[in-house]
């Protein structure tokens, strides 16, 4: 036998070789446990009522799908990056300042958002501009509660939102993907619409970091990038505020960003979408299926210009 041809038991200890199945099994268990910890890092249960008026009756996506396939550029530009980098978002001692053209300037803690306002579960579609969608059981409260608390003056016509800014810890903010911090905005009548909510959880739990903990905006008739995550500031302003994607590519991402299958993105059609977990595409609905509740907000507007 050649000196370079070794028997198997010379390469691997026989006892270790015989235990390989147990080793592989334990490694898989460890990987699954690590993945589970990423998804369930905050398992606090929320007390809420179920909304029946505005919720869709469509089947919801699974918790795993909702928490492992995300757009959250602060945590990375890949769809899996937010889940893998979720622990880098520090939500301890989180506060949200409310200011601008209001009578009451206040600062709220993350516990305030859970305890001060009536929480409901709203099952909404989340539609992303890349032509994929999910159905998510969001838990939160209508943004109108914040508006009532702040008491905007007659000058307030819009609400501007600002997200977390922590480039030392958030990997996405170490790169100039966008002009940080992330910014979004709504017209005041859009913000008052009962469909518009601030979410603090999903599937009965506190909102996971990768989904925008501790508080995010949900505007179900608009594209997902309007639903700013990890909010730190809410300002009532007189003029239309700058928004991140409109600043980045104004010819592609308008301020309104309403789901409209009849107005195509410059690089692709918006007429069809693929639900995460499904193979076949489905038709995209006007205003993402919420037209009966929001179409009146845009009467008389040219939706090809105000896109």
Protein backbone atom coordinates (compact mmCIF):
# COMPACT_ATOMS: atom_id res chain seq x y z
CA UNK A 1 0.00 0.00 0.00
CA UNK A 2 1.29 3.46 -0.84
CA UNK A 3 2.35 5.57 2.10
CA UNK A 4 -0.11 8.23 0.83
CA UNK A 5 -3.12 5.88 0.93
CA UNK A 6 -4.38 5.91 4.53
CA UNK A 7 -7.06 3.78 6.05
CA UNK A 8 -10.20 5.59 7.23
CA UNK A 9 -9.51 4.84 10.88
CA UNK A 10 -6.09 6.48 10.50
CA UNK A 11 -7.74 9.73 9.37
CA UNK A 12 -10.64 9.85 11.84
CA UNK A 13 -10.77 8.33 15.29
CA UNK A 14 -13.10 5.31 15.13
CA UNK A 15 -15.18 6.43 18.12
CA UNK A 16 -15.57 9.89 16.61
CA UNK A 17 -16.47 8.38 13.25
CA UNK A 18 -19.16 6.21 14.80
CA UNK A 19 -20.61 9.25 16.60
CA UNK A 20 -20.77 11.39 13.45
CA UNK A 21 -24.57 11.14 13.18
CA UNK A 22 -25.01 12.42 16.72
CA UNK A 23 -22.55 15.25 16.03
CA UNK A 24 -24.34 16.27 12.83
CA UNK A 25 -27.69 16.09 14.60
CA UNK A 26 -26.49 18.27 17.48
CA UNK A 27 -24.98 20.78 15.03
CA UNK A 28 -28.29 21.06 13.21
CA UNK A 29 -30.09 21.51 16.51
CA UNK A 30 -27.66 24.30 17.46
CA UNK A 31 -28.24 26.02 14.10
CA UNK A 32 -32.00 25.81 14.52
CA UNK A 33 -31.74 27.09 18.09
CA UNK A 34 -29.62 30.05 16.93
CA UNK A 35 -32.13 30.81 14.16
CA UNK A 36 -34.99 30.53 16.65
CA UNK A 37 -33.26 32.94 19.02
CA UNK A 38 -32.94 35.45 16.19
CA UNK A 39 -36.68 35.28 15.60
CA UNK A 40 -37.87 35.13 19.19
CA UNK A 41 -35.33 37.39 20.94
CA UNK A 42 -38.20 39.35 22.51
CA UNK A 43 -41.08 37.04 23.34
CA UNK A 44 -43.17 39.45 25.44
CA UNK A 45 -46.89 38.96 24.81
CA UNK A 46 -49.16 41.90 24.04
CA UNK A 47 -52.75 42.49 25.13
CA UNK A 48 -54.88 43.60 22.22
CA UNK A 49 -58.29 43.37 20.58
CA UNK A 50 -58.92 42.10 17.07
CA UNK A 51 -60.03 44.60 14.44
CA UNK A 52 -62.71 43.27 12.10
CA UNK A 53 -63.59 46.42 10.15
CA UNK A 54 -60.32 47.10 8.33
CA UNK A 55 -58.53 43.74 8.42
CA UNK A 56 -58.27 41.61 5.31
CA UNK A 57 -59.57 38.04 5.49
CA UNK A 58 -56.62 36.74 3.46
CA UNK A 59 -54.36 34.06 4.90
CA UNK A 60 -51.45 35.58 6.79
CA UNK A 61 -47.83 34.80 6.08
CA UNK A 62 -46.00 32.75 8.69
CA UNK A 63 -44.06 34.36 11.53
CA UNK A 64 -40.86 32.90 10.06
CA UNK A 65 -41.54 34.42 6.62
CA UNK A 66 -42.41 37.81 8.09
CA UNK A 67 -39.31 37.97 10.27
CA UNK A 68 -36.71 36.50 7.90
CA UNK A 69 -37.39 38.29 4.60
CA UNK A 70 -37.26 42.06 5.11
CA UNK A 71 -36.25 45.42 3.74
CA UNK A 72 -34.49 47.32 6.53
CA UNK A 73 -31.49 49.06 5.02
CA UNK A 74 -30.12 50.19 8.38
CA UNK A 75 -29.41 46.51 9.06
CA UNK A 76 -28.21 45.69 5.55
CA UNK A 77 -29.48 45.74 1.99
CA UNK A 78 -30.00 41.98 1.61
CA UNK A 79 -33.38 40.45 2.44
CA UNK A 80 -31.83 38.19 5.13
CA UNK A 81 -29.52 40.86 6.55
CA UNK A 82 -32.09 42.41 8.94
CA UNK A 83 -32.67 39.06 10.64
CA UNK A 84 -28.97 38.25 10.85
CA UNK A 85 -28.07 41.72 12.16
CA UNK A 86 -31.13 42.22 14.37
CA UNK A 87 -29.15 42.21 17.63
CA UNK A 88 -27.20 45.28 16.47
CA UNK A 89 -30.30 47.45 16.90
CA UNK A 90 -30.35 48.63 20.52
CA UNK A 91 -33.86 49.58 21.65
CA UNK A 92 -33.05 50.12 25.35
CA UNK A 93 -34.20 53.50 26.68
CA UNK A 94 -35.90 54.27 23.35
CA UNK A 95 -37.76 57.56 23.04
CA UNK A 96 -39.74 59.27 20.29
CA UNK A 97 -39.96 63.05 20.25
CA UNK A 98 -43.10 64.73 18.89
CA UNK A 99 -42.63 68.34 17.85
CA UNK A 100 -43.20 70.98 15.17
CA UNK A 101 -46.46 72.85 14.60
CA UNK A 102 -48.23 71.47 17.67
CA UNK A 103 -49.60 72.74 20.96
CA UNK A 104 -48.15 69.81 22.91
CA UNK A 105 -44.54 68.86 22.30
CA UNK A 106 -43.93 65.57 24.06
CA UNK A 107 -41.43 62.74 24.29
CA UNK A 108 -42.75 59.18 24.60
CA UNK A 109 -40.96 56.01 25.65
CA UNK A 110 -41.47 52.64 23.96
CA UNK A 111 -43.53 51.58 26.97
CA UNK A 112 -45.78 54.60 26.45
CA UNK A 113 -46.62 53.36 22.97
CA UNK A 114 -47.66 49.99 24.37
CA UNK A 115 -49.52 51.22 27.46
CA UNK A 116 -50.99 54.63 26.61
CA UNK A 117 -52.95 53.71 23.49
CA UNK A 118 -55.55 51.01 22.71
CA UNK A 119 -53.82 48.20 20.84
CA UNK A 120 -55.58 46.34 18.04
CA UNK A 121 -54.56 43.60 15.66
CA UNK A 122 -54.93 44.73 12.05
CA UNK A 123 -54.32 42.18 9.31
CA UNK A 124 -52.91 44.23 6.44
CA UNK A 125 -51.14 43.54 3.18
CA UNK A 126 -47.63 44.94 2.92
CA UNK A 127 -46.76 45.61 -0.74
CA UNK A 128 -43.17 46.27 -1.79
CA UNK A 129 -42.11 48.06 -4.92
CA UNK A 130 -40.03 45.06 -6.05
CA UNK A 131 -43.40 43.33 -6.72
CA UNK A 132 -43.61 41.10 -3.66
CA UNK A 133 -46.13 41.21 -0.86
CA UNK A 134 -47.02 39.74 2.53
CA UNK A 135 -50.09 39.63 4.74
CA UNK A 136 -49.14 40.52 8.31
CA UNK A 137 -51.14 40.57 11.57
CA UNK A 138 -49.81 43.91 12.82
CA UNK A 139 -50.53 45.03 16.37
CA UNK A 140 -50.70 48.75 16.98
CA UNK A 141 -52.95 51.78 17.20
CA UNK A 142 -54.23 54.44 14.86
CA UNK A 143 -51.82 57.30 14.24
CA UNK A 144 -54.75 59.63 14.90
CA UNK A 145 -54.17 59.03 18.64
CA UNK A 146 -50.77 60.72 18.37
CA UNK A 147 -52.33 63.57 16.37
CA UNK A 148 -54.92 64.14 19.09
CA UNK A 149 -52.24 64.05 21.77
CA UNK A 150 -50.03 66.58 19.96
CA UNK A 151 -52.88 68.93 18.91
CA UNK A 152 -51.41 70.28 15.65
CA UNK A 153 -51.87 73.97 14.85
CA UNK A 154 -53.57 75.26 11.72
CA UNK A 155 -50.15 75.48 10.05
CA UNK A 156 -49.57 71.72 10.16
CA UNK A 157 -50.28 70.11 6.78
CA UNK A 158 -47.88 67.16 6.85
CA UNK A 159 -46.24 64.76 9.29
CA UNK A 160 -42.52 64.00 8.95
CA UNK A 161 -40.95 60.86 10.42
CA UNK A 162 -37.30 60.15 11.20
CA UNK A 163 -35.72 56.78 11.96
CA UNK A 164 -32.86 55.67 14.18
CA UNK A 165 -29.37 56.97 13.43
CA UNK A 166 -26.59 54.82 14.89
CA UNK A 167 -23.80 54.33 12.31
CA UNK A 168 -21.42 52.91 14.92
CA UNK A 169 -23.61 49.84 15.40
CA UNK A 170 -25.94 49.55 12.41
CA UNK A 171 -24.04 47.96 9.51
CA UNK A 172 -26.19 49.49 6.78
CA UNK A 173 -25.50 53.01 8.01
CA UNK A 174 -21.77 52.47 7.65
CA UNK A 175 -22.36 52.75 3.90
CA UNK A 176 -23.80 55.66 1.95
CA UNK A 177 -26.71 53.64 0.55
CA UNK A 178 -29.08 56.46 1.51
CA UNK A 179 -28.81 59.89 3.12
CA UNK A 180 -29.15 58.83 6.76
CA UNK A 181 -31.20 58.95 8.89
CA UNK A 182 -34.14 57.45 7.00
CA UNK A 183 -37.02 59.92 6.54
CA UNK A 184 -40.64 59.57 5.52
CA UNK A 185 -43.77 61.68 5.45
CA UNK A 186 -47.54 61.77 5.04
CA UNK A 187 -50.11 64.39 4.32
CA UNK A 188 -52.07 65.12 7.49
CA UNK A 189 -55.34 63.75 6.10
CA UNK A 190 -53.53 60.53 5.13
CA UNK A 191 -52.15 60.29 8.66
CA UNK A 192 -55.64 60.74 10.13
CA UNK A 193 -57.10 57.95 8.00
CA UNK A 194 -58.12 55.05 10.28
CA UNK A 195 -56.08 52.59 8.19
CA UNK A 196 -52.84 54.35 9.17
CA UNK A 197 -51.37 52.79 12.29
CA UNK A 198 -48.22 52.78 14.38
CA UNK A 199 -47.25 49.17 14.99
CA UNK A 200 -45.56 47.84 18.14
CA UNK A 201 -45.96 44.12 17.47
CA UNK A 202 -47.09 41.24 15.31
CA UNK A 203 -48.45 37.75 15.94
CA UNK A 204 -49.16 38.69 19.54
CA UNK A 205 -45.54 39.58 20.33
CA UNK A 206 -43.44 42.71 20.66
CA UNK A 207 -42.21 43.82 17.24
CA UNK A 208 -38.94 42.01 16.37
CA UNK A 209 -35.95 44.23 15.64
CA UNK A 210 -35.78 43.17 12.00
CA UNK A 211 -39.36 44.38 11.53
CA UNK A 212 -38.71 47.85 12.91
CA UNK A 213 -38.83 47.64 16.69
CA UNK A 214 -39.92 49.28 18.89
CA UNK A 215 -42.33 51.30 16.72
CA UNK A 216 -42.96 51.61 13.00
CA UNK A 217 -45.48 53.14 10.64
CA UNK A 218 -47.93 51.03 8.60
CA UNK A 219 -49.76 52.64 5.65
CA UNK A 220 -51.32 49.65 3.87
CA UNK A 221 -52.38 51.35 0.63
CA UNK A 222 -48.82 52.55 -0.03
CA UNK A 223 -45.62 50.71 -0.90
CA UNK A 224 -43.69 49.19 1.97
CA UNK A 225 -40.88 51.74 1.98
CA UNK A 226 -43.37 54.36 3.22
CA UNK A 227 -43.73 52.33 6.43
CA UNK A 228 -40.68 53.75 8.20
CA UNK A 229 -39.17 51.53 10.89
CA UNK A 230 -37.64 52.24 14.31
CA UNK A 231 -39.05 55.75 14.54
CA UNK A 232 -37.30 58.29 16.79
CA UNK A 233 -38.98 61.53 15.75
CA UNK A 234 -42.44 62.67 14.57
CA UNK A 235 -42.75 66.29 13.41
CA UNK A 236 -45.80 68.22 12.29
CA UNK A 237 -44.77 70.55 9.47
CA UNK A 238 -46.28 73.08 7.07
CA UNK A 239 -44.50 72.02 3.86
CA UNK A 240 -44.13 68.61 2.23
CA UNK A 241 -41.14 66.95 3.95
CA UNK A 242 -38.20 65.28 2.26
CA UNK A 243 -38.40 61.50 2.11
CA UNK A 244 -35.43 59.17 1.73
CA UNK A 245 -36.28 57.34 -1.47
CA UNK A 246 -37.69 60.45 -3.12
CA UNK A 247 -34.36 62.16 -2.43
CA UNK A 248 -32.43 59.15 -3.71
CA UNK A 249 -34.38 58.63 -6.97
CA UNK A 250 -37.16 61.22 -7.47
CA UNK A 251 -38.10 59.90 -10.91
CA UNK A 252 -38.79 56.45 -9.44
CA UNK A 253 -40.16 57.04 -5.92
CA UNK A 254 -42.69 59.82 -5.47
CA UNK A 255 -43.84 61.34 -2.20
CA UNK A 256 -47.24 59.63 -2.32
CA UNK A 257 -46.06 56.15 -3.31
CA UNK A 258 -49.60 54.81 -3.56
CA UNK A 259 -49.97 51.28 -4.93
CA UNK A 260 -51.27 51.93 -8.45
CA UNK A 261 -51.05 49.15 -11.08
CA UNK A 262 -51.76 51.69 -13.83
CA UNK A 263 -48.62 53.73 -13.14
CA UNK A 264 -45.50 51.64 -13.74
CA UNK A 265 -42.20 52.00 -12.02
CA UNK A 266 -39.72 53.29 -14.66
CA UNK A 267 -37.91 49.93 -14.66
CA UNK A 268 -40.78 47.46 -14.26
CA UNK A 269 -44.52 47.01 -14.29
CA UNK A 270 -46.56 47.12 -11.07
CA UNK A 271 -49.53 45.18 -12.46
CA UNK A 272 -48.59 41.84 -10.92
CA UNK A 273 -47.17 40.78 -7.57
CA UNK A 274 -45.90 37.62 -5.90
CA UNK A 275 -46.98 36.83 -2.37
CA UNK A 276 -44.09 35.48 -0.31
CA UNK A 277 -44.56 31.72 -0.03
CA UNK A 278 -46.46 31.46 -3.31
CA UNK A 279 -45.22 30.65 -6.82
CA UNK A 280 -47.89 32.20 -9.03
CA UNK A 281 -48.26 35.94 -9.33
CA UNK A 282 -51.55 37.72 -8.71
CA UNK A 283 -53.03 40.97 -10.00
CA UNK A 284 -52.09 44.09 -8.06
CA UNK A 285 -55.14 45.93 -6.73
CA UNK A 286 -55.59 49.69 -6.85
CA UNK A 287 -54.49 51.23 -3.56
CA UNK A 288 -53.44 47.69 -2.63
CA UNK A 289 -57.11 46.73 -2.21
CA UNK A 290 -58.00 49.58 0.15
CA UNK A 291 -59.52 51.95 -2.42
CA UNK A 292 -62.91 52.12 -0.67
CA UNK A 293 -61.22 53.70 2.34
CA UNK A 294 -58.68 56.01 0.69
CA UNK A 295 -59.60 56.83 -2.93
CA UNK A 296 -61.40 60.00 -1.81
CA UNK A 297 -58.09 61.40 -0.54
CA UNK A 298 -56.85 61.77 -4.10
CA UNK A 299 -59.93 62.95 -5.97
CA UNK A 300 -59.00 65.45 -8.66
CA UNK A 301 -55.29 64.67 -8.46
CA UNK A 302 -53.25 63.54 -11.47
CA UNK A 303 -51.91 60.24 -10.12
CA UNK A 304 -49.31 59.98 -12.90
CA UNK A 305 -47.69 63.18 -11.61
CA UNK A 306 -48.48 62.65 -7.92
CA UNK A 307 -47.17 59.10 -7.85
